[in-house]
Amino acid sequence: MERHSKGRLWPLLLVVLFSAILGGVISNILRHLIPGGIIHDLFVQGVKVGMAPPFTLDLGIFHITFGFTLDLSLVAILCVVIGLLVYRKAV
């Protein structure tokens, strides 16, 4: 049973990743189409979560930079929820 559930993890992660990317693309498109106002702020504006500035490790011969930023908008979250519902229905 554990092996079977482990096999479903990668498709689930791919669904979440692609639906979040799709939500970000839709959010960027709507940012230009919807005029400013409460609807624009509700659906398009997001919250940026992450490391700012990124952490840089300088070891002399090479540099490593660690960092990430998530831009969460309502459209991206809705796309992830819809993607999860579709995935659940398909599996």
PDB file of N, CA and C in Angstrom:
ATOM      1  N   MET A   1       0.819  -1.192   0.000  1.00  0.00           N
ATOM      2  CA  MET A   1       0.000   0.000   0.000  1.00  0.00           C
ATOM      3  C   MET A   1       0.865   1.259   0.000  1.00  0.00           C
ATOM      4  N   GLU A   2       1.955   1.234   0.764  1.00  0.00           N
ATOM      5  CA  GLU A   2       2.829   2.406   0.831  1.00  0.00           C
ATOM      6  C   GLU A   2       3.486   2.671  -0.516  1.00  0.00           C
ATOM      7  N   ARG A   3       3.869   1.624  -1.220  1.00  0.00           N
ATOM      8  CA  ARG A   3       4.489   1.783  -2.532  1.00  0.00           C
ATOM      9  C   ARG A   3       3.502   2.395  -3.523  1.00  0.00           C
ATOM     10  N   HIS A   4       2.249   2.004  -3.427  1.00  0.00           N
ATOM     11  CA  HIS A   4       1.230   2.530  -4.321  1.00  0.00           C
ATOM     12  C   HIS A   4       1.001   4.027  -4.085  1.00  0.00           C
ATOM     13  N   SER A   5       0.950   4.446  -2.832  1.00  0.00           N
ATOM     14  CA  SER A   5       0.740   5.861  -2.543  1.00  0.00           C
ATOM     15  C   SER A   5       1.971   6.692  -2.894  1.00  0.00           C
ATOM     16  N   LYS A   6       3.160   6.082  -2.799  1.00  0.00           N
ATOM     17  CA  LYS A   6       4.376   6.796  -3.173  1.00  0.00           C
ATOM     18  C   LYS A   6       4.417   7.031  -4.673  1.00  0.00           C
ATOM     19  N   GLY A   7       3.864   6.140  -5.457  1.00  0.00           N
ATOM     20  CA  GLY A   7       3.816   6.295  -6.898  1.00  0.00           C
ATOM     21  C   GLY A   7       2.893   7.421  -7.335  1.00  0.00           C
ATOM     22  N   ARG A   8       1.949   7.797  -6.502  1.00  0.00           N
ATOM     23  CA  ARG A   8       1.025   8.877  -6.820  1.00  0.00           C
ATOM     24  C   ARG A   8       1.553  10.242  -6.397  1.00  0.00           C
ATOM     25  N   LEU A   9       2.647  10.302  -5.701  1.00  0.00           N
ATOM     26  CA  LEU A   9       3.159  11.574  -5.202  1.00  0.00           C
ATOM     27  C   LEU A   9       3.661  12.457  -6.333  1.00  0.00           C
ATOM     28  N   TRP A  10       4.420  11.907  -7.278  1.00  0.00           N
ATOM     29  CA  TRP A  10       4.968  12.719  -8.368  1.00  0.00           C
ATOM     30  C   TRP A  10       3.891  13.317  -9.251  1.00  0.00           C
ATOM     31  N   PRO A  11       2.890  12.554  -9.669  1.00  0.00           N
ATOM     32  CA  PRO A  11       1.820  13.189 -10.456  1.00  0.00           C
ATOM     33  C   PRO A  11       1.084  14.287  -9.675  1.00  0.00           C
ATOM     34  N   LEU A  12       0.895  14.082  -8.386  1.00  0.00           N
ATOM     35  CA  LEU A  12       0.240  15.096  -7.559  1.00  0.00           C
ATOM     36  C   LEU A  12       1.079  16.365  -7.488  1.00  0.00           C
ATOM     37  N   LEU A  13       2.388  16.215  -7.292  1.00  0.00           N
ATOM     38  CA  LEU A  13       3.266  17.381  -7.245  1.00  0.00           C
ATOM     39  C   LEU A  13       3.306  18.101  -8.597  1.00  0.00           C
ATOM     40  N   LEU A  14       3.285  17.340  -9.688  1.00  0.00           N
ATOM     41  CA  LEU A  14       3.262  17.954 -11.015  1.00  0.00           C
ATOM     42  C   LEU A  14       1.958  18.715 -11.259  1.00  0.00           C
ATOM     43  N   VAL A  15       0.842  18.166 -10.804  1.00  0.00           N
ATOM     44  CA  VAL A  15      -0.445  18.857 -10.939  1.00  0.00           C
ATOM     45  C   VAL A  15      -0.420  20.165 -10.162  1.00  0.00           C
ATOM     46  N   VAL A  16       0.088  20.130  -8.944  1.00  0.00           N
ATOM     47  CA  VAL A  16       0.162  21.355  -8.133  1.00  0.00           C
ATOM     48  C   VAL A  16       1.085  22.368  -8.786  1.00  0.00           C
ATOM     49  N   LEU A  17       2.248  21.928  -9.259  1.00  0.00           N
ATOM     50  CA  LEU A  17       3.207  22.829  -9.875  1.00  0.00           C
ATOM     51  C   LEU A  17       2.648  23.465 -11.143  1.00  0.00           C
ATOM     52  N   PHE A  18       2.107  22.658 -12.051  1.00  0.00           N
ATOM     53  CA  PHE A  18       1.596  23.200 -13.310  1.00  0.00           C
ATOM     54  C   PHE A  18       0.361  24.064 -13.104  1.00  0.00           C
ATOM     55  N   SER A  19      -0.501  23.695 -12.160  1.00  0.00           N
ATOM     56  CA  SER A  19      -1.676  24.539 -11.925  1.00  0.00           C
ATOM     57  C   SER A  19      -1.272  25.855 -11.263  1.00  0.00           C
ATOM     58  N   ALA A  20      -0.242  25.853 -10.422  1.00  0.00           N
ATOM     59  CA  ALA A  20       0.250  27.105  -9.840  1.00  0.00           C
ATOM     60  C   ALA A  20       0.882  27.987 -10.917  1.00  0.00           C
ATOM     61  N   ILE A  21       1.624  27.383 -11.838  1.00  0.00           N
ATOM     62  CA  ILE A  21       2.205  28.152 -12.943  1.00  0.00           C
ATOM     63  C   ILE A  21       1.096  28.720 -13.825  1.00  0.00           C
ATOM     64  N   LEU A  22       0.085  27.925 -14.128  1.00  0.00           N
ATOM     65  CA  LEU A  22      -1.044  28.398 -14.919  1.00  0.00           C
ATOM     66  C   LEU A  22      -1.758  29.541 -14.209  1.00  0.00           C
ATOM     67  N   GLY A  23      -1.932  29.426 -12.903  1.00  0.00           N
ATOM     68  CA  GLY A  23      -2.557  30.498 -12.133  1.00  0.00           C
ATOM     69  C   GLY A  23      -1.738  31.774 -12.164  1.00  0.00           C
ATOM     70  N   GLY A  24      -0.410  31.651 -12.128  1.00  0.00           N
ATOM     71  CA  GLY A  24       0.455  32.824 -12.231  1.00  0.00           C
ATOM     72  C   GLY A  24       0.361  33.483 -13.590  1.00  0.00           C
ATOM     73  N   VAL A  25       0.283  32.671 -14.638  1.00  0.00           N
ATOM     74  CA  VAL A  25       0.152  33.212 -15.996  1.00  0.00           C
ATOM     75  C   VAL A  25      -1.191  33.924 -16.147  1.00  0.00           C
ATOM     76  N   ILE A  26      -2.257  33.303 -15.679  1.00  0.00           N
ATOM     77  CA  ILE A  26      -3.580  33.926 -15.754  1.00  0.00           C
ATOM     78  C   ILE A  26      -3.606  35.214 -14.942  1.00  0.00           C
ATOM     79  N   SER A  27      -2.977  35.200 -13.780  1.00  0.00           N
ATOM     80  CA  SER A  27      -2.920  36.395 -12.945  1.00  0.00           C
ATOM     81  C   SER A  27      -2.181  37.530 -13.644  1.00  0.00           C
ATOM     82  N   ASN A  28      -1.083  37.221 -14.327  1.00  0.00           N
ATOM     83  CA  ASN A  28      -0.353  38.251 -15.080  1.00  0.00           C
ATOM     84  C   ASN A  28      -1.176  38.787 -16.247  1.00  0.00           C
ATOM     85  N   ILE A  29      -1.925  37.933 -16.911  1.00  0.00           N
ATOM     86  CA  ILE A  29      -2.784  38.389 -18.007  1.00  0.00           C
ATOM     87  C   ILE A  29      -3.892  39.290 -17.467  1.00  0.00           C
ATOM     88  N   LEU A  30      -4.531  38.867 -16.380  1.00  0.00           N
ATOM     89  CA  LEU A  30      -5.595  39.671 -15.786  1.00  0.00           C
ATOM     90  C   LEU A  30      -5.081  40.994 -15.241  1.00  0.00           C
ATOM     91  N   ARG A  31      -3.838  41.035 -14.827  1.00  0.00           N
ATOM     92  CA  ARG A  31      -3.245  42.272 -14.308  1.00  0.00           C
ATOM     93  C   ARG A  31      -3.309  43.380 -15.359  1.00  0.00           C
ATOM     94  N   HIS A  32      -3.190  43.008 -16.629  1.00  0.00           N
ATOM     95  CA  HIS A  32      -3.222  43.994 -17.703  1.00  0.00           C
ATOM     96  C   HIS A  32      -4.634  44.231 -18.231  1.00  0.00           C
ATOM     97  N   LEU A  33      -5.535  43.289 -18.042  1.00  0.00           N
ATOM     98  CA  LEU A  33      -6.882  43.414 -18.594  1.00  0.00           C
ATOM     99  C   LEU A  33      -7.873  44.074 -17.641  1.00  0.00           C
ATOM    100  N   ILE A  34      -7.729  43.834 -16.346  1.00  0.00           N
ATOM    101  CA  ILE A  34      -8.679  44.367 -15.373  1.00  0.00           C
ATOM    102  C   ILE A  34      -8.183  45.724 -14.904  1.00  0.00           C
ATOM    103  N   PRO A  35      -9.025  46.752 -14.997  1.00  0.00           N
ATOM    104  CA  PRO A  35      -8.597  48.060 -14.494  1.00  0.00           C
ATOM    105  C   PRO A  35      -8.489  48.044 -12.972  1.00  0.00           C
ATOM    106  N   GLY A  36      -7.752  49.012 -12.437  1.00  0.00           N
ATOM    107  CA  GLY A  36      -7.557  49.080 -10.993  1.00  0.00           C
ATOM    108  C   GLY A  36      -8.878  49.204 -10.250  1.00  0.00           C
ATOM    109  N   GLY A  37      -8.924  48.630  -9.116  1.00  0.00           N
ATOM    110  CA  GLY A  37     -10.134  48.653  -8.299  1.00  0.00           C
ATOM    111  C   GLY A  37     -10.134  47.465  -7.364  1.00  0.00           C
ATOM    112  N   ILE A  38     -11.262  47.225  -6.747  1.00  0.00           N
ATOM    113  CA  ILE A  38     -11.337  46.161  -5.754  1.00  0.00           C
ATOM    114  C   ILE A  38     -11.217  44.775  -6.399  1.00  0.00           C
ATOM    115  N   ILE A  39     -11.788  44.599  -7.591  1.00  0.00           N
ATOM    116  CA  ILE A  39     -11.678  43.305  -8.281  1.00  0.00           C
ATOM    117  C   ILE A  39     -10.228  43.044  -8.667  1.00  0.00           C
ATOM    118  N   HIS A  40      -9.560  44.058  -9.159  1.00  0.00           N
ATOM    119  CA  HIS A  40      -8.138  43.941  -9.517  1.00  0.00           C
ATOM    120  C   HIS A  40      -7.327  43.560  -8.281  1.00  0.00           C
ATOM    121  N   ASP A  41      -7.558  44.262  -7.184  1.00  0.00           N
ATOM    122  CA  ASP A  41      -6.805  43.985  -5.958  1.00  0.00           C
ATOM    123  C   ASP A  41      -7.102  42.593  -5.411  1.00  0.00           C
ATOM    124  N   LEU A  42      -8.357  42.172  -5.501  1.00  0.00           N
ATOM    125  CA  LEU A  42      -8.749  40.878  -4.943  1.00  0.00           C
ATOM    126  C   LEU A  42      -8.149  39.710  -5.719  1.00  0.00           C
ATOM    127  N   PHE A  43      -8.217  39.761  -7.034  1.00  0.00           N
ATOM    128  CA  PHE A  43      -7.802  38.610  -7.832  1.00  0.00           C
ATOM    129  C   PHE A  43      -6.349  38.651  -8.285  1.00  0.00           C
ATOM    130  N   VAL A  44      -5.819  39.824  -8.522  1.00  0.00           N
ATOM    131  CA  VAL A  44      -4.520  39.920  -9.175  1.00  0.00           C
ATOM    132  C   VAL A  44      -3.384  40.162  -8.202  1.00  0.00           C
ATOM    133  N   GLN A  45      -3.573  41.076  -7.269  1.00  0.00           N
ATOM    134  CA  GLN A  45      -2.489  41.359  -6.335  1.00  0.00           C
ATOM    135  C   GLN A  45      -2.271  40.158  -5.433  1.00  0.00           C
ATOM    136  N   GLY A  46      -1.021  39.867  -5.191  1.00  0.00           N
ATOM    137  CA  GLY A  46      -0.688  38.718  -4.375  1.00  0.00           C
ATOM    138  C   GLY A  46       0.210  39.094  -3.223  1.00  0.00           C
ATOM    139  N   VAL A  47       0.538  38.095  -2.465  1.00  0.00           N
ATOM    140  CA  VAL A  47       1.447  38.245  -1.347  1.00  0.00           C
ATOM    141  C   VAL A  47       2.751  37.564  -1.731  1.00  0.00           C
ATOM    142  N   LYS A  48       3.854  38.284  -1.598  1.00  0.00           N
ATOM    143  CA  LYS A  48       5.160  37.698  -1.897  1.00  0.00           C
ATOM    144  C   LYS A  48       5.744  37.128  -0.607  1.00  0.00           C
ATOM    145  N   VAL A  49       6.074  35.856  -0.664  1.00  0.00           N
ATOM    146  CA  VAL A  49       6.637  35.140   0.471  1.00  0.00           C
ATOM    147  C   VAL A  49       7.973  34.567   0.034  1.00  0.00           C
ATOM    148  N   GLY A  50       8.999  34.741   0.844  1.00  0.00           N
ATOM    149  CA  GLY A  50      10.280  34.160   0.480  1.00  0.00           C
ATOM    150  C   GLY A  50      11.442  34.858   1.153  1.00  0.00           C
ATOM    151  N   MET A  51      12.609  34.624   0.607  1.00  0.00           N
ATOM    152  CA  MET A  51      13.832  35.201   1.143  1.00  0.00           C
ATOM    153  C   MET A  51      14.207  36.421   0.309  1.00  0.00           C
ATOM    154  N   ALA A  52      14.213  37.578   0.938  1.00  0.00           N
ATOM    155  CA  ALA A  52      14.618  38.797   0.230  1.00  0.00           C
ATOM    156  C   ALA A  52      15.499  39.602   1.166  1.00  0.00           C
ATOM    157  N   PRO A  53      16.712  39.802   0.893  1.00  0.00           N
ATOM    158  CA  PRO A  53      17.494  39.324  -0.235  1.00  0.00           C
ATOM    159  C   PRO A  53      17.895  37.863  -0.045  1.00  0.00           C
ATOM    160  N   PRO A  54      18.280  37.187  -1.126  1.00  0.00           N
ATOM    161  CA  PRO A  54      18.706  35.790  -1.001  1.00  0.00           C
ATOM    162  C   PRO A  54      20.007  35.671  -0.207  1.00  0.00           C
ATOM    163  N   PHE A  55      20.206  34.513   0.355  1.00  0.00           N
ATOM    164  CA  PHE A  55      21.406  34.227   1.152  1.00  0.00           C
ATOM    165  C   PHE A  55      22.530  33.803   0.211  1.00  0.00           C
ATOM    166  N   THR A  56      23.688  34.449   0.308  1.00  0.00           N
ATOM    167  CA  THR A  56      24.834  34.124  -0.530  1.00  0.00           C
ATOM    168  C   THR A  56      25.973  33.603   0.331  1.00  0.00           C
ATOM    169  N   LEU A  57      26.524  32.470  -0.066  1.00  0.00           N
ATOM    170  CA  LEU A  57      27.654  31.857   0.619  1.00  0.00           C
ATOM    171  C   LEU A  57      28.874  31.974  -0.280  1.00  0.00           C
ATOM    172  N   ASP A  58      29.886  32.706   0.173  1.00  0.00           N
ATOM    173  CA  ASP A  58      31.100  32.927  -0.605  1.00  0.00           C
ATOM    174  C   ASP A  58      32.212  32.071  -0.016  1.00  0.00           C
ATOM    175  N   LEU A  59      32.652  31.070  -0.779  1.00  0.00           N
ATOM    176  CA  LEU A  59      33.692  30.157  -0.318  1.00  0.00           C
ATOM    177  C   LEU A  59      35.030  30.378  -1.019  1.00  0.00           C
ATOM    178  N   GLY A  60      35.204  31.537  -1.579  1.00  0.00           N
ATOM    179  CA  GLY A  60      36.468  31.860  -2.217  1.00  0.00           C
ATOM    180  C   GLY A  60      36.535  31.459  -3.674  1.00  0.00           C
ATOM    181  N   ILE A  61      36.434  30.172  -3.956  1.00  0.00           N
ATOM    182  CA  ILE A  61      36.539  29.731  -5.343  1.00  0.00           C
ATOM    183  C   ILE A  61      35.174  29.616  -6.024  1.00  0.00           C
ATOM    184  N   PHE A  62      34.121  29.568  -5.251  1.00  0.00           N
ATOM    185  CA  PHE A  62      32.783  29.595  -5.853  1.00  0.00           C
ATOM    186  C   PHE A  62      31.803  30.222  -4.877  1.00  0.00           C
ATOM    187  N   HIS A  63      30.715  30.702  -5.443  1.00  0.00           N
ATOM    188  CA  HIS A  63      29.665  31.360  -4.683  1.00  0.00           C
ATOM    189  C   HIS A  63      28.378  30.564  -4.845  1.00  0.00           C
ATOM    190  N   ILE A  64      27.661  30.409  -3.756  1.00  0.00           N
ATOM    191  CA  ILE A  64      26.373  29.728  -3.788  1.00  0.00           C
ATOM    192  C   ILE A  64      25.330  30.715  -3.276  1.00  0.00           C
ATOM    193  N   THR A  65      24.227  30.842  -4.015  1.00  0.00           N
ATOM    194  CA  THR A  65      23.142  31.718  -3.601  1.00  0.00           C
ATOM    195  C   THR A  65      21.893  30.885  -3.391  1.00  0.00           C
ATOM    196  N   PHE A  66      21.297  31.039  -2.220  1.00  0.00           N
ATOM    197  CA  PHE A  66      20.067  30.343  -1.869  1.00  0.00           C
ATOM    198  C   PHE A  66      18.947  31.368  -1.760  1.00  0.00           C
ATOM    199  N   GLY A  67      17.813  31.058  -2.346  1.00  0.00           N
ATOM    200  CA  GLY A  67      16.687  31.956  -2.221  1.00  0.00           C
ATOM    201  C   GLY A  67      15.488  31.455  -2.997  1.00  0.00           C
ATOM    202  N   PHE A  68      14.342  31.931  -2.609  1.00  0.00           N
ATOM    203  CA  PHE A  68      13.111  31.625  -3.321  1.00  0.00           C
ATOM    204  C   PHE A  68      12.093  32.707  -2.990  1.00  0.00           C
ATOM    205  N   THR A  69      11.151  32.877  -3.886  1.00  0.00           N
ATOM    206  CA  THR A  69      10.054  33.802  -3.663  1.00  0.00           C
ATOM    207  C   THR A  69       8.797  33.200  -4.265  1.00  0.00           C
ATOM    208  N   LEU A  70       7.739  33.187  -3.506  1.00  0.00           N
ATOM    209  CA  LEU A  70       6.431  32.756  -3.994  1.00  0.00           C
ATOM    210  C   LEU A  70       5.539  33.980  -4.089  1.00  0.00           C
ATOM    211  N   ASP A  71       4.875  34.141  -5.219  1.00  0.00           N
ATOM    212  CA  ASP A  71       3.933  35.231  -5.397  1.00  0.00           C
ATOM    213  C   ASP A  71       2.541  34.609  -5.409  1.00  0.00           C
ATOM    214  N   LEU A  72       1.891  34.625  -4.274  1.00  0.00           N
ATOM    215  CA  LEU A  72       0.595  33.967  -4.132  1.00  0.00           C
ATOM    216  C   LEU A  72      -0.529  34.956  -4.385  1.00  0.00           C
ATOM    217  N   SER A  73      -1.340  34.669  -5.393  1.00  0.00           N
ATOM    218  CA  SER A  73      -2.530  35.464  -5.663  1.00  0.00           C
ATOM    219  C   SER A  73      -3.746  34.550  -5.557  1.00  0.00           C
ATOM    220  N   LEU A  74      -4.899  35.157  -5.475  1.00  0.00           N
ATOM    221  CA  LEU A  74      -6.124  34.370  -5.358  1.00  0.00           C
ATOM    222  C   LEU A  74      -6.341  33.506  -6.595  1.00  0.00           C
ATOM    223  N   VAL A  75      -5.991  34.017  -7.762  1.00  0.00           N
ATOM    224  CA  VAL A  75      -6.145  33.245  -9.004  1.00  0.00           C
ATOM    225  C   VAL A  75      -5.242  32.017  -8.980  1.00  0.00           C
ATOM    226  N   ALA A  76      -4.006  32.166  -8.526  1.00  0.00           N
ATOM    227  CA  ALA A  76      -3.094  31.021  -8.460  1.00  0.00           C
ATOM    228  C   ALA A  76      -3.594  29.983  -7.469  1.00  0.00           C
ATOM    229  N   ILE A  77      -4.093  30.428  -6.341  1.00  0.00           N
ATOM    230  CA  ILE A  77      -4.626  29.495  -5.337  1.00  0.00           C
ATOM    231  C   ILE A  77      -5.857  28.779  -5.876  1.00  0.00           C
ATOM    232  N   LEU A  78      -6.736  29.501  -6.556  1.00  0.00           N
ATOM    233  CA  LEU A  78      -7.911  28.869  -7.155  1.00  0.00           C
ATOM    234  C   LEU A  78      -7.528  27.842  -8.211  1.00  0.00           C
ATOM    235  N   CYS A  79      -6.522  28.136  -9.000  1.00  0.00           N
ATOM    236  CA  CYS A  79      -6.059  27.172 -10.015  1.00  0.00           C
ATOM    237  C   CYS A  79      -5.495  25.913  -9.362  1.00  0.00           C
ATOM    238  N   VAL A  80      -4.777  26.070  -8.271  1.00  0.00           N
ATOM    239  CA  VAL A  80      -4.249  24.896  -7.562  1.00  0.00           C
ATOM    240  C   VAL A  80      -5.392  24.063  -6.996  1.00  0.00           C
ATOM    241  N   VAL A  81      -6.389  24.706  -6.412  1.00  0.00           N
ATOM    242  CA  VAL A  81      -7.539  23.969  -5.862  1.00  0.00           C
ATOM    243  C   VAL A  81      -8.280  23.234  -6.973  1.00  0.00           C
ATOM    244  N   ILE A  82      -8.500  23.898  -8.106  1.00  0.00           N
ATOM    245  CA  ILE A  82      -9.178  23.247  -9.232  1.00  0.00           C
ATOM    246  C   ILE A  82      -8.333  22.086  -9.763  1.00  0.00           C
ATOM    247  N   GLY A  83      -7.029  22.280  -9.848  1.00  0.00           N
ATOM    248  CA  GLY A  83      -6.146  21.199 -10.286  1.00  0.00           C
ATOM    249  C   GLY A  83      -6.195  20.003  -9.351  1.00  0.00           C
ATOM    250  N   LEU A  84      -6.217  20.268  -8.050  1.00  0.00           N
ATOM    251  CA  LEU A  84      -6.309  19.171  -7.082  1.00  0.00           C
ATOM    252  C   LEU A  84      -7.656  18.447  -7.183  1.00  0.00           C
ATOM    253  N   LEU A  85      -8.744  19.196  -7.406  1.00  0.00           N
ATOM    254  CA  LEU A  85     -10.037  18.558  -7.551  1.00  0.00           C
ATOM    255  C   LEU A  85     -10.096  17.694  -8.809  1.00  0.00           C
ATOM    256  N   VAL A  86      -9.522  18.173  -9.901  1.00  0.00           N
ATOM    257  CA  VAL A  86      -9.464  17.390 -11.139  1.00  0.00           C
ATOM    258  C   VAL A  86      -8.610  16.160 -10.950  1.00  0.00           C
ATOM    259  N   TYR A  87      -7.490  16.310 -10.277  1.00  0.00           N
ATOM    260  CA  TYR A  87      -6.603  15.159 -10.021  1.00  0.00           C
ATOM    261  C   TYR A  87      -7.314  14.118  -9.159  1.00  0.00           C
ATOM    262  N   ARG A  88      -8.007  14.587  -8.128  1.00  0.00           N
ATOM    263  CA  ARG A  88      -8.717  13.664  -7.240  1.00  0.00           C
ATOM    264  C   ARG A  88      -9.820  12.917  -7.992  1.00  0.00           C
ATOM    265  N   LYS A  89     -10.499  13.632  -8.898  1.00  0.00           N
ATOM    266  CA  LYS A  89     -11.568  13.008  -9.670  1.00  0.00           C
ATOM    267  C   LYS A  89     -10.997  11.991 -10.669  1.00  0.00           C
ATOM    268  N   ALA A  90      -9.803  12.286 -11.212  1.00  0.00           N
ATOM    269  CA  ALA A  90      -9.206  11.405 -12.210  1.00  0.00           C
ATOM    270  C   ALA A  90      -8.605  10.149 -11.580  1.00  0.00           C
ATOM    271  N   VAL A  91      -8.174  10.250 -10.346  1.00  0.00           N
ATOM    272  CA  VAL A  91      -7.516   9.095  -9.711  1.00  0.00           C
ATOM    273  C   VAL A  91      -8.471   8.354  -8.878  1.00  0.00           C
TER     274      VAL A  91
END
